[in-house]
């Protein structure tokens, strides 16, 4: 096998508490995002965009998440509010991939959303190839309108994923993977 296939065969998400710094510098981030954007995109619609959240912005978004959480759970205790506030503070960099499909006579919305998912996967693979690790999460706040509005998303935009990027303290043991006999059929 070659290095690229080995990387794909051993790709593993790292739990957020195990992602530390340093994160990508500006040149590395630009390279990561450039690679992430090289995905199938029928019609060249670019039905996604990036929202980079790093440094103090992680805490500001955390405050936004905590306020949205409190609006839904006004009786929550301080420990739980702190947990929500710290959602984006583990890794040094979080990239939100924003899906922004638009009506098109030949390109269905579903295809555009899949393109945003491909962006997320390219970003994960590129980060790993550059010596980082990336964990793709959504969580409840990716679907909360208060959070989406606070992040500046338009009404038709959605979060495809929050990609937490950092250096892994360690790689966890692999988990069980699907049995191909159970998921492959032939026509």
Protein backbone atom coordinates (compact mmCIF):
# COMPACT_ATOMS: atom_id res chain seq x y z
CA UNK A 1 0.00 0.00 0.00
CA UNK A 2 1.11 3.58 -0.46
CA UNK A 3 1.15 6.35 2.17
CA UNK A 4 -2.12 7.87 1.03
CA UNK A 5 -3.99 4.57 1.19
CA UNK A 6 -2.44 3.87 4.60
CA UNK A 7 -3.69 7.26 5.81
CA UNK A 8 -7.22 6.52 4.60
CA UNK A 9 -7.15 2.98 6.01
CA UNK A 10 -6.08 4.17 9.47
CA UNK A 11 -7.97 7.48 9.73
CA UNK A 12 -9.42 7.84 13.19
CA UNK A 13 -11.20 10.67 15.00
CA UNK A 14 -9.46 11.88 18.14
CA UNK A 15 -11.60 12.86 21.16
CA UNK A 16 -11.71 16.64 21.56
CA UNK A 17 -9.92 16.73 24.96
CA UNK A 18 -6.95 15.05 23.27
CA UNK A 19 -6.58 17.72 20.57
CA UNK A 20 -4.06 20.37 21.52
CA UNK A 21 -1.83 22.93 19.92
CA UNK A 22 -0.19 24.25 18.08
CA UNK A 23 -2.76 24.45 15.36
CA UNK A 24 -2.11 25.24 11.73
CA UNK A 25 -0.42 28.53 10.97
CA UNK A 26 -1.90 30.83 8.31
CA UNK A 27 -0.06 29.18 5.41
CA UNK A 28 -1.07 25.70 6.60
CA UNK A 29 -4.67 26.81 7.08
CA UNK A 30 -4.78 28.25 3.57
CA UNK A 31 -3.42 24.99 2.20
CA UNK A 32 -5.94 22.95 4.21
CA UNK A 33 -8.87 25.03 2.97
CA UNK A 34 -7.62 24.98 -0.62
CA UNK A 35 -7.42 21.18 -0.52
CA UNK A 36 -10.80 20.92 1.23
CA UNK A 37 -12.39 22.93 -1.59
CA UNK A 38 -11.23 20.46 -4.26
CA UNK A 39 -14.38 18.37 -4.27
CA UNK A 40 -16.97 17.35 -6.83
CA UNK A 41 -19.09 20.42 -7.45
CA UNK A 42 -21.47 19.90 -10.36
CA UNK A 43 -22.11 23.22 -12.06
CA UNK A 44 -19.33 24.98 -10.11
CA UNK A 45 -21.94 26.29 -7.66
CA UNK A 46 -19.60 26.25 -4.64
CA UNK A 47 -22.53 25.25 -2.40
CA UNK A 48 -20.50 25.64 0.80
CA UNK A 49 -18.23 28.08 2.56
CA UNK A 50 -15.85 28.13 5.51
CA UNK A 51 -16.20 29.87 8.85
CA UNK A 52 -12.83 29.86 10.65
CA UNK A 53 -13.08 29.98 14.44
CA UNK A 54 -9.78 30.29 16.31
CA UNK A 55 -8.19 32.10 19.23
CA UNK A 56 -10.62 34.21 21.27
CA UNK A 57 -13.37 33.64 18.71
CA UNK A 58 -13.76 30.10 20.10
CA UNK A 59 -14.80 31.56 23.48
CA UNK A 60 -17.13 34.09 21.83
CA UNK A 61 -18.88 31.32 19.95
CA UNK A 62 -18.93 29.34 23.19
CA UNK A 63 -20.80 32.22 24.84
CA UNK A 64 -23.27 32.16 21.95
CA UNK A 65 -23.77 28.41 22.39
CA UNK A 66 -24.22 28.78 26.17
CA UNK A 67 -26.85 31.53 25.71
CA UNK A 68 -28.76 29.41 23.21
CA UNK A 69 -28.56 26.46 25.59
CA UNK A 70 -29.87 28.56 28.48
CA UNK A 71 -32.78 29.73 26.34
CA UNK A 72 -33.77 26.09 25.90
CA UNK A 73 -32.79 24.91 29.41
CA UNK A 74 -33.23 27.88 31.78
CA UNK A 75 -32.76 25.71 34.88
CA UNK A 76 -29.39 24.27 33.84
CA UNK A 77 -26.67 24.23 36.47
CA UNK A 78 -23.37 26.11 36.14
CA UNK A 79 -21.35 22.98 35.34
CA UNK A 80 -23.55 22.19 32.36
CA UNK A 81 -23.48 25.80 31.15
CA UNK A 82 -19.68 25.76 31.39
CA UNK A 83 -19.61 22.55 29.37
CA UNK A 84 -21.67 24.18 26.62
CA UNK A 85 -19.52 27.32 26.73
CA UNK A 86 -16.37 25.22 26.22
CA UNK A 87 -17.63 23.24 23.23
CA UNK A 88 -15.19 24.84 20.76
CA UNK A 89 -12.27 25.45 23.11
CA UNK A 90 -10.46 22.09 23.02
CA UNK A 91 -8.72 22.25 19.65
CA UNK A 92 -6.83 25.40 18.64
CA UNK A 93 -8.85 25.69 15.41
CA UNK A 94 -12.43 24.96 14.47
CA UNK A 95 -13.61 25.26 10.89
CA UNK A 96 -17.35 25.31 10.37
CA UNK A 97 -18.24 24.06 6.92
CA UNK A 98 -21.42 25.85 5.96
CA UNK A 99 -23.66 24.20 3.37
CA UNK A 100 -25.36 26.78 1.20
CA UNK A 101 -27.35 24.97 -1.45
CA UNK A 102 -29.44 27.05 -3.79
CA UNK A 103 -32.21 26.28 -6.24
CA UNK A 104 -30.92 25.11 -9.60
CA UNK A 105 -32.86 23.59 -12.49
CA UNK A 106 -30.36 20.75 -13.03
CA UNK A 107 -28.50 20.30 -9.74
CA UNK A 108 -30.61 19.05 -6.85
CA UNK A 109 -30.13 20.35 -3.33
CA UNK A 110 -29.14 16.86 -2.15
CA UNK A 111 -26.15 16.82 -4.52
CA UNK A 112 -25.05 20.23 -3.25
CA UNK A 113 -25.25 19.08 0.38
CA UNK A 114 -23.21 15.99 -0.46
CA UNK A 115 -20.57 18.32 -1.92
CA UNK A 116 -20.39 20.10 1.47
CA UNK A 117 -19.91 16.71 3.14
CA UNK A 118 -17.07 15.97 0.72
CA UNK A 119 -15.46 19.27 1.78
CA UNK A 120 -15.55 18.06 5.40
CA UNK A 121 -13.93 14.75 4.51
CA UNK A 122 -11.23 16.39 2.39
CA UNK A 123 -10.43 18.69 5.30
CA UNK A 124 -10.12 15.74 7.68
CA UNK A 125 -7.81 13.83 5.34
CA UNK A 126 -5.68 16.89 4.52
CA UNK A 127 -5.30 17.75 8.21
CA UNK A 128 -4.12 14.22 8.98
CA UNK A 129 -1.70 14.23 6.04
CA UNK A 130 -0.19 17.48 7.42
CA UNK A 131 0.37 15.97 10.89
CA UNK A 132 -2.78 17.31 12.54
CA UNK A 133 -5.94 15.52 13.45
CA UNK A 134 -9.47 16.66 12.75
CA UNK A 135 -12.68 15.60 14.41
CA UNK A 136 -15.95 16.24 12.57
CA UNK A 137 -18.88 17.02 14.86
CA UNK A 138 -22.21 18.73 14.56
CA UNK A 139 -23.96 18.49 17.96
CA UNK A 140 -27.23 20.21 18.82
CA UNK A 141 -25.93 23.74 18.29
CA UNK A 142 -25.31 23.07 14.59
CA UNK A 143 -29.09 22.95 14.21
CA UNK A 144 -30.07 25.71 16.62
CA UNK A 145 -31.34 28.82 14.85
CA UNK A 146 -30.12 31.17 17.61
CA UNK A 147 -26.58 29.84 17.14
CA UNK A 148 -26.79 29.88 13.35
CA UNK A 149 -28.06 33.47 13.36
CA UNK A 150 -25.32 34.47 15.80
CA UNK A 151 -22.73 32.96 13.46
CA UNK A 152 -24.13 35.01 10.59
CA UNK A 153 -25.65 32.17 8.59
CA UNK A 154 -28.37 33.03 6.09
CA UNK A 155 -31.75 31.33 6.59
CA UNK A 156 -31.05 28.72 3.88
CA UNK A 157 -27.55 27.90 5.17
CA UNK A 158 -26.79 24.96 7.46
CA UNK A 159 -23.74 23.65 9.27
CA UNK A 160 -22.37 20.54 7.54
CA UNK A 161 -19.90 20.14 10.37
CA UNK A 162 -17.64 21.75 12.92
CA UNK A 163 -14.16 20.40 12.22
CA UNK A 164 -11.93 20.64 15.28
CA UNK A 165 -8.29 20.65 14.19
CA UNK A 166 -5.25 20.25 16.40
CA UNK A 167 -2.37 18.01 17.29
CA UNK A 168 -3.33 14.70 18.83
CA UNK A 169 -1.93 13.94 22.29
CA UNK A 170 -2.38 10.31 21.29
CA UNK A 171 -4.36 8.32 18.79
CA UNK A 172 -7.07 6.17 20.34
CA UNK A 173 -7.34 2.50 19.56
CA UNK A 174 -9.33 1.77 16.46
CA UNK A 175 -12.99 0.94 16.84
CA UNK A 176 -14.91 -1.83 15.15
CA UNK A 177 -15.60 -1.08 11.51
CA UNK A 178 -18.54 -2.30 9.41
CA UNK A 179 -18.48 -5.87 8.19
CA UNK A 180 -18.47 -5.56 4.41
CA UNK A 181 -20.60 -8.70 4.05
CA UNK A 182 -23.38 -6.86 5.88
CA UNK A 183 -23.27 -3.69 3.76
CA UNK A 184 -22.27 -4.79 0.26
CA UNK A 185 -24.72 -6.18 -2.23
CA UNK A 186 -24.43 -6.79 -5.93
CA UNK A 187 -26.99 -6.08 -8.59
